[in-house]
Amino acid sequence: MRIPPLTLRYKLLDFLYKVYPEAVEELTILEVFYEYHKAEDIKKQLQYLTDAGYIDQKKIPFRLGSRRKIVQYKIAPKGIDLLNGIIQDRAVPVPEEE
């Protein structure tokens, strides 16, 4: 089963909202969503949400002297506003509450 990218955007935001105020490593996000999505698709949608200002991305050095970085994501205030219905974006459809 493959979920459309727009729905994936909402699901990623919702996941980060549920763990807020904590940041989550990219690898953890990939592990949570890999069953229904390709890693490449998840990374593209995370980048979209970052570019749109809905989530913040932070790159932390893996260890001293290493070029490798750990990428963490955290929902931004704009992303919280989107989920709470204060702002709207047709590219990130938020389901209506029942």
PDB file of N, CA and C in Angstrom:
ATOM      1  N   MET A   1       0.842  -1.184   0.000  1.00  0.00           N
ATOM      2  CA  MET A   1       0.000   0.000   0.000  1.00  0.00           C
ATOM      3  C   MET A   1       0.883   1.242   0.000  1.00  0.00           C
ATOM      4  N   ARG A   2       0.610   2.145  -0.889  1.00  0.00           N
ATOM      5  CA  ARG A   2       1.406   3.363  -1.002  1.00  0.00           C
ATOM      6  C   ARG A   2       0.531   4.575  -0.714  1.00  0.00           C
ATOM      7  N   ILE A   3       0.965   5.397   0.220  1.00  0.00           N
ATOM      8  CA  ILE A   3       0.216   6.581   0.608  1.00  0.00           C
ATOM      9  C   ILE A   3       0.749   7.765  -0.199  1.00  0.00           C
ATOM     10  N   PRO A   4      -0.143   8.611  -0.754  1.00  0.00           N
ATOM     11  CA  PRO A   4       0.307   9.764  -1.536  1.00  0.00           C
ATOM     12  C   PRO A   4       1.205  10.691  -0.721  1.00  0.00           C
ATOM     13  N   PRO A   5       2.117  11.413  -1.402  1.00  0.00           N
ATOM     14  CA  PRO A   5       3.061  12.285  -0.713  1.00  0.00           C
ATOM     15  C   PRO A   5       2.397  13.338   0.173  1.00  0.00           C
ATOM     16  N   LEU A   6       1.259  13.889  -0.259  1.00  0.00           N
ATOM     17  CA  LEU A   6       0.620  14.926   0.537  1.00  0.00           C
ATOM     18  C   LEU A   6       0.176  14.368   1.885  1.00  0.00           C
ATOM     19  N   THR A   7      -0.315  13.138   1.889  1.00  0.00           N
ATOM     20  CA  THR A   7      -0.701  12.504   3.141  1.00  0.00           C
ATOM     21  C   THR A   7       0.525  12.217   3.992  1.00  0.00           C
ATOM     22  N   LEU A   8       1.620  11.829   3.359  1.00  0.00           N
ATOM     23  CA  LEU A   8       2.859  11.573   4.085  1.00  0.00           C
ATOM     24  C   LEU A   8       3.342  12.844   4.777  1.00  0.00           C
ATOM     25  N   ARG A   9       3.194  13.978   4.130  1.00  0.00           N
ATOM     26  CA  ARG A   9       3.599  15.240   4.755  1.00  0.00           C
ATOM     27  C   ARG A   9       2.851  15.453   6.066  1.00  0.00           C
ATOM     28  N   TYR A  10       1.548  15.232   6.025  1.00  0.00           N
ATOM     29  CA  TYR A  10       0.750  15.385   7.252  1.00  0.00           C
ATOM     30  C   TYR A  10       1.203  14.386   8.316  1.00  0.00           C
ATOM     31  N   LYS A  11       1.406  13.143   7.923  1.00  0.00           N
ATOM     32  CA  LYS A  11       1.786  12.102   8.888  1.00  0.00           C
ATOM     33  C   LYS A  11       3.148  12.407   9.533  1.00  0.00           C
ATOM     34  N   LEU A  12       4.082  12.929   8.759  1.00  0.00           N
ATOM     35  CA  LEU A  12       5.377  13.315   9.314  1.00  0.00           C
ATOM     36  C   LEU A  12       5.227  14.464  10.319  1.00  0.00           C
ATOM     37  N   LEU A  13       4.429  15.465   9.947  1.00  0.00           N
ATOM     38  CA  LEU A  13       4.189  16.585  10.856  1.00  0.00           C
ATOM     39  C   LEU A  13       3.505  16.124  12.132  1.00  0.00           C
ATOM     40  N   ASP A  14       2.498  15.278  11.980  1.00  0.00           N
ATOM     41  CA  ASP A  14       1.760  14.772  13.133  1.00  0.00           C
ATOM     42  C   ASP A  14       2.685  13.976  14.065  1.00  0.00           C
ATOM     43  N   PHE A  15       3.557  13.164  13.495  1.00  0.00           N
ATOM     44  CA  PHE A  15       4.510  12.392  14.293  1.00  0.00           C
ATOM     45  C   PHE A  15       5.411  13.326  15.102  1.00  0.00           C
ATOM     46  N   LEU A  16       5.950  14.360  14.449  1.00  0.00           N
ATOM     47  CA  LEU A  16       6.837  15.288  15.143  1.00  0.00           C
ATOM     48  C   LEU A  16       6.077  16.103  16.197  1.00  0.00           C
ATOM     49  N   TYR A  17       4.800  16.368  15.931  1.00  0.00           N
ATOM     50  CA  TYR A  17       3.964  17.086  16.904  1.00  0.00           C
ATOM     51  C   TYR A  17       3.752  16.246  18.163  1.00  0.00           C
ATOM     52  N   LYS A  18       3.569  14.952  17.971  1.00  0.00           N
ATOM     53  CA  LYS A  18       3.322  14.061  19.106  1.00  0.00           C
ATOM     54  C   LYS A  18       4.539  13.915  20.015  1.00  0.00           C
ATOM     55  N   VAL A  19       5.740  14.076  19.485  1.00  0.00           N
ATOM     56  CA  VAL A  19       6.944  13.956  20.307  1.00  0.00           C
ATOM     57  C   VAL A  19       7.494  15.319  20.735  1.00  0.00           C
ATOM     58  N   TYR A  20       6.841  16.389  20.301  1.00  0.00           N
ATOM     59  CA  TYR A  20       7.257  17.742  20.658  1.00  0.00           C
ATOM     60  C   TYR A  20       7.286  17.893  22.171  1.00  0.00           C
ATOM     61  N   PRO A  21       8.282  18.492  22.766  1.00  0.00           N
ATOM     62  CA  PRO A  21       9.307  19.377  22.213  1.00  0.00           C
ATOM     63  C   PRO A  21      10.612  18.680  21.829  1.00  0.00           C
ATOM     64  N   GLU A  22      10.616  17.375  21.795  1.00  0.00           N
ATOM     65  CA  GLU A  22      11.832  16.638  21.446  1.00  0.00           C
ATOM     66  C   GLU A  22      12.090  16.675  19.946  1.00  0.00           C
ATOM     67  N   ALA A  23      13.367  16.616  19.577  1.00  0.00           N
ATOM     68  CA  ALA A  23      13.768  16.457  18.178  1.00  0.00           C
ATOM     69  C   ALA A  23      13.949  14.962  17.922  1.00  0.00           C
ATOM     70  N   VAL A  24      13.787  14.559  16.666  1.00  0.00           N
ATOM     71  CA  VAL A  24      13.884  13.147  16.303  1.00  0.00           C
ATOM     72  C   VAL A  24      14.918  12.993  15.202  1.00  0.00           C
ATOM     73  N   GLU A  25      15.772  11.980  15.348  1.00  0.00           N
ATOM     74  CA  GLU A  25      16.778  11.711  14.324  1.00  0.00           C
ATOM     75  C   GLU A  25      16.116  11.200  13.045  1.00  0.00           C
ATOM     76  N   GLU A  26      16.723  11.551  11.926  1.00  0.00           N
ATOM     77  CA  GLU A  26      16.203  11.135  10.629  1.00  0.00           C
ATOM     78  C   GLU A  26      16.073   9.613  10.540  1.00  0.00           C
ATOM     79  N   LEU A  27      17.052   8.899  11.058  1.00  0.00           N
ATOM     80  CA  LEU A  27      17.022   7.441  11.007  1.00  0.00           C
ATOM     81  C   LEU A  27      15.793   6.888  11.737  1.00  0.00           C
ATOM     82  N   THR A  28      15.440   7.476  12.858  1.00  0.00           N
ATOM     83  CA  THR A  28      14.259   7.043  13.605  1.00  0.00           C
ATOM     84  C   THR A  28      12.991   7.275  12.783  1.00  0.00           C
ATOM     85  N   ILE A  29      12.903   8.428  12.127  1.00  0.00           N
ATOM     86  CA  ILE A  29      11.741   8.724  11.286  1.00  0.00           C
ATOM     87  C   ILE A  29      11.648   7.710  10.149  1.00  0.00           C
ATOM     88  N   LEU A  30      12.782   7.393   9.533  1.00  0.00           N
ATOM     89  CA  LEU A  30      12.792   6.409   8.446  1.00  0.00           C
ATOM     90  C   LEU A  30      12.325   5.050   8.954  1.00  0.00           C
ATOM     91  N   GLU A  31      12.742   4.671  10.153  1.00  0.00           N
ATOM     92  CA  GLU A  31      12.323   3.386  10.723  1.00  0.00           C
ATOM     93  C   GLU A  31      10.817   3.337  10.977  1.00  0.00           C
ATOM     94  N   VAL A  32      10.247   4.457  11.383  1.00  0.00           N
ATOM     95  CA  VAL A  32       8.815   4.505  11.675  1.00  0.00           C
ATOM     96  C   VAL A  32       7.986   4.393  10.396  1.00  0.00           C
ATOM     97  N   PHE A  33       8.430   5.026   9.312  1.00  0.00           N
ATOM     98  CA  PHE A  33       7.613   5.109   8.094  1.00  0.00           C
ATOM     99  C   PHE A  33       8.057   4.194   6.954  1.00  0.00           C
ATOM    100  N   TYR A  34       9.123   3.420   7.152  1.00  0.00           N
ATOM    101  CA  TYR A  34       9.677   2.637   6.042  1.00  0.00           C
ATOM    102  C   TYR A  34       8.737   1.562   5.504  1.00  0.00           C
ATOM    103  N   GLU A  35       7.822   1.098   6.315  1.00  0.00           N
ATOM    104  CA  GLU A  35       6.948  -0.001   5.887  1.00  0.00           C
ATOM    105  C   GLU A  35       6.068   0.390   4.697  1.00  0.00           C
ATOM    106  N   TYR A  36       5.674   1.652   4.646  1.00  0.00           N
ATOM    107  CA  TYR A  36       4.769   2.101   3.583  1.00  0.00           C
ATOM    108  C   TYR A  36       5.413   3.044   2.579  1.00  0.00           C
ATOM    109  N   HIS A  37       6.649   3.475   2.835  1.00  0.00           N
ATOM    110  CA  HIS A  37       7.290   4.478   1.979  1.00  0.00           C
ATOM    111  C   HIS A  37       8.756   4.153   1.753  1.00  0.00           C
ATOM    112  N   LYS A  38       9.251   4.572   0.618  1.00  0.00           N
ATOM    113  CA  LYS A  38      10.673   4.450   0.333  1.00  0.00           C
ATOM    114  C   LYS A  38      11.419   5.538   1.105  1.00  0.00           C
ATOM    115  N   ALA A  39      12.641   5.230   1.514  1.00  0.00           N
ATOM    116  CA  ALA A  39      13.449   6.197   2.265  1.00  0.00           C
ATOM    117  C   ALA A  39      13.616   7.491   1.471  1.00  0.00           C
ATOM    118  N   GLU A  40      13.791   7.370   0.174  1.00  0.00           N
ATOM    119  CA  GLU A  40      13.959   8.549  -0.679  1.00  0.00           C
ATOM    120  C   GLU A  40      12.722   9.446  -0.623  1.00  0.00           C
ATOM    121  N   ASP A  41      11.528   8.850  -0.648  1.00  0.00           N
ATOM    122  CA  ASP A  41      10.288   9.625  -0.582  1.00  0.00           C
ATOM    123  C   ASP A  41      10.145  10.329   0.763  1.00  0.00           C
ATOM    124  N   ILE A  42      10.494   9.638   1.830  1.00  0.00           N
ATOM    125  CA  ILE A  42      10.409  10.232   3.169  1.00  0.00           C
ATOM    126  C   ILE A  42      11.358  11.423   3.265  1.00  0.00           C
ATOM    127  N   LYS A  43      12.577  11.254   2.772  1.00  0.00           N
ATOM    128  CA  LYS A  43      13.555  12.340   2.825  1.00  0.00           C
ATOM    129  C   LYS A  43      13.105  13.543   2.000  1.00  0.00           C
ATOM    130  N   LYS A  44      12.495  13.298   0.837  1.00  0.00           N
ATOM    131  CA  LYS A  44      11.988  14.390   0.005  1.00  0.00           C
ATOM    132  C   LYS A  44      10.909  15.178   0.738  1.00  0.00           C
ATOM    133  N   GLN A  45      10.011  14.465   1.401  1.00  0.00           N
ATOM    134  CA  GLN A  45       8.924  15.145   2.104  1.00  0.00           C
ATOM    135  C   GLN A  45       9.436  15.886   3.342  1.00  0.00           C
ATOM    136  N   LEU A  46      10.432  15.330   4.016  1.00  0.00           N
ATOM    137  CA  LEU A  46      11.051  16.044   5.134  1.00  0.00           C
ATOM    138  C   LEU A  46      11.709  17.330   4.633  1.00  0.00           C
ATOM    139  N   GLN A  47      12.355  17.252   3.477  1.00  0.00           N
ATOM    140  CA  GLN A  47      12.988  18.449   2.916  1.00  0.00           C
ATOM    141  C   GLN A  47      11.942  19.490   2.531  1.00  0.00           C
ATOM    142  N   TYR A  48      10.820  19.038   1.959  1.00  0.00           N
ATOM    143  CA  TYR A  48       9.741  19.974   1.624  1.00  0.00           C
ATOM    144  C   TYR A  48       9.250  20.690   2.882  1.00  0.00           C
ATOM    145  N   LEU A  49       8.984  19.922   3.940  1.00  0.00           N
ATOM    146  CA  LEU A  49       8.482  20.511   5.184  1.00  0.00           C
ATOM    147  C   LEU A  49       9.507  21.462   5.795  1.00  0.00           C
ATOM    148  N   THR A  50      10.783  21.145   5.649  1.00  0.00           N
ATOM    149  CA  THR A  50      11.840  22.034   6.134  1.00  0.00           C
ATOM    150  C   THR A  50      11.856  23.329   5.320  1.00  0.00           C
ATOM    151  N   ASP A  51      11.829  23.198   3.999  1.00  0.00           N
ATOM    152  CA  ASP A  51      11.854  24.369   3.119  1.00  0.00           C
ATOM    153  C   ASP A  51      10.636  25.264   3.344  1.00  0.00           C
ATOM    154  N   ALA A  52       9.495  24.657   3.661  1.00  0.00           N
ATOM    155  CA  ALA A  52       8.260  25.413   3.892  1.00  0.00           C
ATOM    156  C   ALA A  52       8.228  26.049   5.288  1.00  0.00           C
ATOM    157  N   GLY A  53       9.173  25.679   6.150  1.00  0.00           N
ATOM    158  CA  GLY A  53       9.237  26.257   7.486  1.00  0.00           C
ATOM    159  C   GLY A  53       8.381  25.553   8.526  1.00  0.00           C
ATOM    160  N   TYR A  54       7.855  24.372   8.177  1.00  0.00           N
ATOM    161  CA  TYR A  54       7.006  23.633   9.111  1.00  0.00           C
ATOM    162  C   TYR A  54       7.805  22.810  10.106  1.00  0.00           C
ATOM    163  N   ILE A  55       9.021  22.442   9.738  1.00  0.00           N
ATOM    164  CA  ILE A  55       9.898  21.708  10.656  1.00  0.00           C
ATOM    165  C   ILE A  55      11.296  22.315  10.572  1.00  0.00           C
ATOM    166  N   ASP A  56      12.047  22.141  11.643  1.00  0.00           N
ATOM    167  CA  ASP A  56      13.430  22.607  11.691  1.00  0.00           C
ATOM    168  C   ASP A  56      14.349  21.405  11.544  1.00  0.00           C
ATOM    169  N   GLN A  57      15.421  21.602  10.800  1.00  0.00           N
ATOM    170  CA  GLN A  57      16.418  20.554  10.589  1.00  0.00           C
ATOM    171  C   GLN A  57      17.718  20.996  11.253  1.00  0.00           C
ATOM    172  N   LYS A  58      18.326  20.079  11.979  1.00  0.00           N
ATOM    173  CA  LYS A  58      19.590  20.377  12.649  1.00  0.00           C
ATOM    174  C   LYS A  58      20.577  19.262  12.338  1.00  0.00           C
ATOM    175  N   LYS A  59      21.770  19.640  11.891  1.00  0.00           N
ATOM    176  CA  LYS A  59      22.812  18.654  11.592  1.00  0.00           C
ATOM    177  C   LYS A  59      23.869  18.725  12.690  1.00  0.00           C
ATOM    178  N   ILE A  60      24.106  17.583  13.328  1.00  0.00           N
ATOM    179  CA  ILE A  60      25.033  17.500  14.447  1.00  0.00           C
ATOM    180  C   ILE A  60      26.175  16.571  14.057  1.00  0.00           C
ATOM    181  N   PRO A  61      27.424  16.988  14.292  1.00  0.00           N
ATOM    182  CA  PRO A  61      28.557  16.095  13.974  1.00  0.00           C
ATOM    183  C   PRO A  61      28.429  14.760  14.716  1.00  0.00           C
ATOM    184  N   PHE A  62      28.684  13.686  13.992  1.00  0.00           N
ATOM    185  CA  PHE A  62      28.583  12.341  14.566  1.00  0.00           C
ATOM    186  C   PHE A  62      29.587  12.144  15.682  1.00  0.00           C
ATOM    187  N   ARG A  63      30.813  12.537  15.435  1.00  0.00           N
ATOM    188  CA  ARG A  63      31.861  12.522  16.466  1.00  0.00           C
ATOM    189  C   ARG A  63      32.966  13.459  16.011  1.00  0.00           C
ATOM    190  N   LEU A  64      33.828  13.807  16.916  1.00  0.00           N
ATOM    191  CA  LEU A  64      34.904  14.744  16.634  1.00  0.00           C
ATOM    192  C   LEU A  64      35.773  14.230  15.486  1.00  0.00           C
ATOM    193  N   GLY A  65      36.006  15.087  14.517  1.00  0.00           N
ATOM    194  CA  GLY A  65      36.862  14.728  13.397  1.00  0.00           C
ATOM    195  C   GLY A  65      36.158  13.970  12.285  1.00  0.00           C
ATOM    196  N   SER A  66      34.884  13.719  12.438  1.00  0.00           N
ATOM    197  CA  SER A  66      34.137  12.980  11.427  1.00  0.00           C
ATOM    198  C   SER A  66      33.353  13.946  10.552  1.00  0.00           C
ATOM    199  N   ARG A  67      33.271  13.648   9.275  1.00  0.00           N
ATOM    200  CA  ARG A  67      32.468  14.472   8.366  1.00  0.00           C
ATOM    201  C   ARG A  67      30.994  14.079   8.425  1.00  0.00           C
ATOM    202  N   ARG A  68      30.734  12.911   8.945  1.00  0.00           N
ATOM    203  CA  ARG A  68      29.364  12.398   9.026  1.00  0.00           C
ATOM    204  C   ARG A  68      28.566  13.204  10.047  1.00  0.00           C
ATOM    205  N   LYS A  69      27.320  13.473   9.709  1.00  0.00           N
ATOM    206  CA  LYS A  69      26.462  14.248  10.605  1.00  0.00           C
ATOM    207  C   LYS A  69      25.160  13.495  10.860  1.00  0.00           C
ATOM    208  N   ILE A  70      24.639  13.683  12.052  1.00  0.00           N
ATOM    209  CA  ILE A  70      23.331  13.145  12.402  1.00  0.00           C
ATOM    210  C   ILE A  70      22.328  14.261  12.140  1.00  0.00           C
ATOM    211  N   VAL A  71      21.258  13.945  11.423  1.00  0.00           N
ATOM    212  CA  VAL A  71      20.241  14.937  11.099  1.00  0.00           C
ATOM    213  C   VAL A  71      19.056  14.735  12.031  1.00  0.00           C
ATOM    214  N   GLN A  72      18.642  15.832  12.675  1.00  0.00           N
ATOM    215  CA  GLN A  72      17.489  15.782  13.566  1.00  0.00           C
ATOM    216  C   GLN A  72      16.415  16.738  13.054  1.00  0.00           C
ATOM    217  N   TYR A  73      15.162  16.376  13.315  1.00  0.00           N
ATOM    218  CA  TYR A  73      14.033  17.208  12.927  1.00  0.00           C
ATOM    219  C   TYR A  73      13.163  17.492  14.139  1.00  0.00           C
ATOM    220  N   LYS A  74      12.609  18.713  14.139  1.00  0.00           N
ATOM    221  CA  LYS A  74      11.715  19.131  15.211  1.00  0.00           C
ATOM    222  C   LYS A  74      10.635  20.010  14.586  1.00  0.00           C
ATOM    223  N   ILE A  75       9.393  19.829  15.014  1.00  0.00           N
ATOM    224  CA  ILE A  75       8.323  20.643  14.462  1.00  0.00           C
ATOM    225  C   ILE A  75       8.529  22.098  14.859  1.00  0.00           C
ATOM    226  N   ALA A  76       8.296  23.001  13.923  1.00  0.00           N
ATOM    227  CA  ALA A  76       8.454  24.435  14.144  1.00  0.00           C
ATOM    228  C   ALA A  76       7.097  25.034  14.533  1.00  0.00           C
ATOM    229  N   PRO A  77       7.094  26.232  15.101  1.00  0.00           N
ATOM    230  CA  PRO A  77       5.815  26.869  15.458  1.00  0.00           C
ATOM    231  C   PRO A  77       4.842  26.957  14.276  1.00  0.00           C
ATOM    232  N   LYS A  78       5.358  27.203  13.083  1.00  0.00           N
ATOM    233  CA  LYS A  78       4.501  27.269  11.898  1.00  0.00           C
ATOM    234  C   LYS A  78       3.840  25.913  11.628  1.00  0.00           C
ATOM    235  N   GLY A  79       4.549  24.819  11.875  1.00  0.00           N
ATOM    236  CA  GLY A  79       3.983  23.483  11.702  1.00  0.00           C
ATOM    237  C   GLY A  79       2.894  23.200  12.724  1.00  0.00           C
ATOM    238  N   ILE A  80       3.096  23.668  13.955  1.00  0.00           N
ATOM    239  CA  ILE A  80       2.075  23.503  14.995  1.00  0.00           C
ATOM    240  C   ILE A  80       0.824  24.287  14.613  1.00  0.00           C
ATOM    241  N   ASP A  81       1.022  25.513  14.114  1.00  0.00           N
ATOM    242  CA  ASP A  81      -0.127  26.324  13.668  1.00  0.00           C
ATOM    243  C   ASP A  81      -0.894  25.638  12.550  1.00  0.00           C
ATOM    244  N   LEU A  82      -0.179  24.999  11.638  1.00  0.00           N
ATOM    245  CA  LEU A  82      -0.824  24.282  10.536  1.00  0.00           C
ATOM    246  C   LEU A  82      -1.680  23.136  11.069  1.00  0.00           C
ATOM    247  N   LEU A  83      -1.137  22.347  11.975  1.00  0.00           N
ATOM    248  CA  LEU A  83      -1.889  21.217  12.529  1.00  0.00           C
ATOM    249  C   LEU A  83      -3.080  21.665  13.367  1.00  0.00           C
ATOM    250  N   ASN A  84      -2.967  22.830  14.004  1.00  0.00           N
ATOM    251  CA  ASN A  84      -4.057  23.344  14.828  1.00  0.00           C
ATOM    252  C   ASN A  84      -5.093  24.126  14.028  1.00  0.00           C
ATOM    253  N   GLY A  85      -4.886  24.240  12.719  1.00  0.00           N
ATOM    254  CA  GLY A  85      -5.858  24.903  11.853  1.00  0.00           C
ATOM    255  C   GLY A  85      -5.767  26.415  11.839  1.00  0.00           C
ATOM    256  N   ILE A  86      -4.731  26.982  12.418  1.00  0.00           N
ATOM    257  CA  ILE A  86      -4.565  28.437  12.434  1.00  0.00           C
ATOM    258  C   ILE A  86      -4.179  28.941  11.048  1.00  0.00           C
ATOM    259  N   ILE A  87      -3.345  28.159  10.359  1.00  0.00           N
ATOM    260  CA  ILE A  87      -3.007  28.456   8.965  1.00  0.00           C
ATOM    261  C   ILE A  87      -3.362  27.230   8.125  1.00  0.00           C
ATOM    262  N   GLN A  88      -3.450  27.427   6.819  1.00  0.00           N
ATOM    263  CA  GLN A  88      -3.762  26.312   5.921  1.00  0.00           C
ATOM    264  C   GLN A  88      -2.759  26.275   4.778  1.00  0.00           C
ATOM    265  N   ASP A  89      -2.556  25.082   4.254  1.00  0.00           N
ATOM    266  CA  ASP A  89      -1.666  24.874   3.111  1.00  0.00           C
ATOM    267  C   ASP A  89      -2.228  23.686   2.342  1.00  0.00           C
ATOM    268  N   ARG A  90      -2.642  23.919   1.119  1.00  0.00           N
ATOM    269  CA  ARG A  90      -3.224  22.829   0.318  1.00  0.00           C
ATOM    270  C   ARG A  90      -2.213  21.727   0.025  1.00  0.00           C
ATOM    271  N   ALA A  91      -0.919  22.049   0.133  1.00  0.00           N
ATOM    272  CA  ALA A  91       0.130  21.055  -0.111  1.00  0.00           C
ATOM    273  C   ALA A  91       0.343  20.137   1.090  1.00  0.00           C
ATOM    274  N   VAL A  92      -0.264  20.479   2.238  1.00  0.00           N
ATOM    275  CA  VAL A  92      -0.188  19.640   3.438  1.00  0.00           C
ATOM    276  C   VAL A  92      -1.614  19.526   3.985  1.00  0.00           C
ATOM    277  N   PRO A  93      -2.414  18.639   3.412  1.00  0.00           N
ATOM    278  CA  PRO A  93      -3.811  18.541   3.840  1.00  0.00           C
ATOM    279  C   PRO A  93      -3.943  17.953   5.244  1.00  0.00           C
ATOM    280  N   VAL A  94      -4.553  18.717   6.126  1.00  0.00           N
ATOM    281  CA  VAL A  94      -4.777  18.278   7.499  1.00  0.00           C
ATOM    282  C   VAL A  94      -6.216  17.800   7.596  1.00  0.00           C
ATOM    283  N   PRO A  95      -6.439  16.551   8.011  1.00  0.00           N
ATOM    284  CA  PRO A  95      -7.808  16.051   8.107  1.00  0.00           C
ATOM    285  C   PRO A  95      -8.613  16.830   9.145  1.00  0.00           C
ATOM    286  N   GLU A  96      -9.888  16.965   8.873  1.00  0.00           N
ATOM    287  CA  GLU A  96     -10.779  17.663   9.809  1.00  0.00           C
ATOM    288  C   GLU A  96     -11.036  16.794  11.007  1.00  0.00           C
ATOM    289  N   GLU A  97     -11.143  17.418  12.180  1.00  0.00           N
ATOM    290  CA  GLU A  97     -11.457  16.662  13.394  1.00  0.00           C
ATOM    291  C   GLU A  97     -12.914  16.242  13.362  1.00  0.00           C
ATOM    292  N   GLU A  98     -13.168  15.093  13.952  1.00  0.00           N
ATOM    293  CA  GLU A  98     -14.541  14.564  13.962  1.00  0.00           C
ATOM    294  C   GLU A  98     -15.286  15.061  15.157  1.00  0.00           C
TER     295      GLU A  98
END
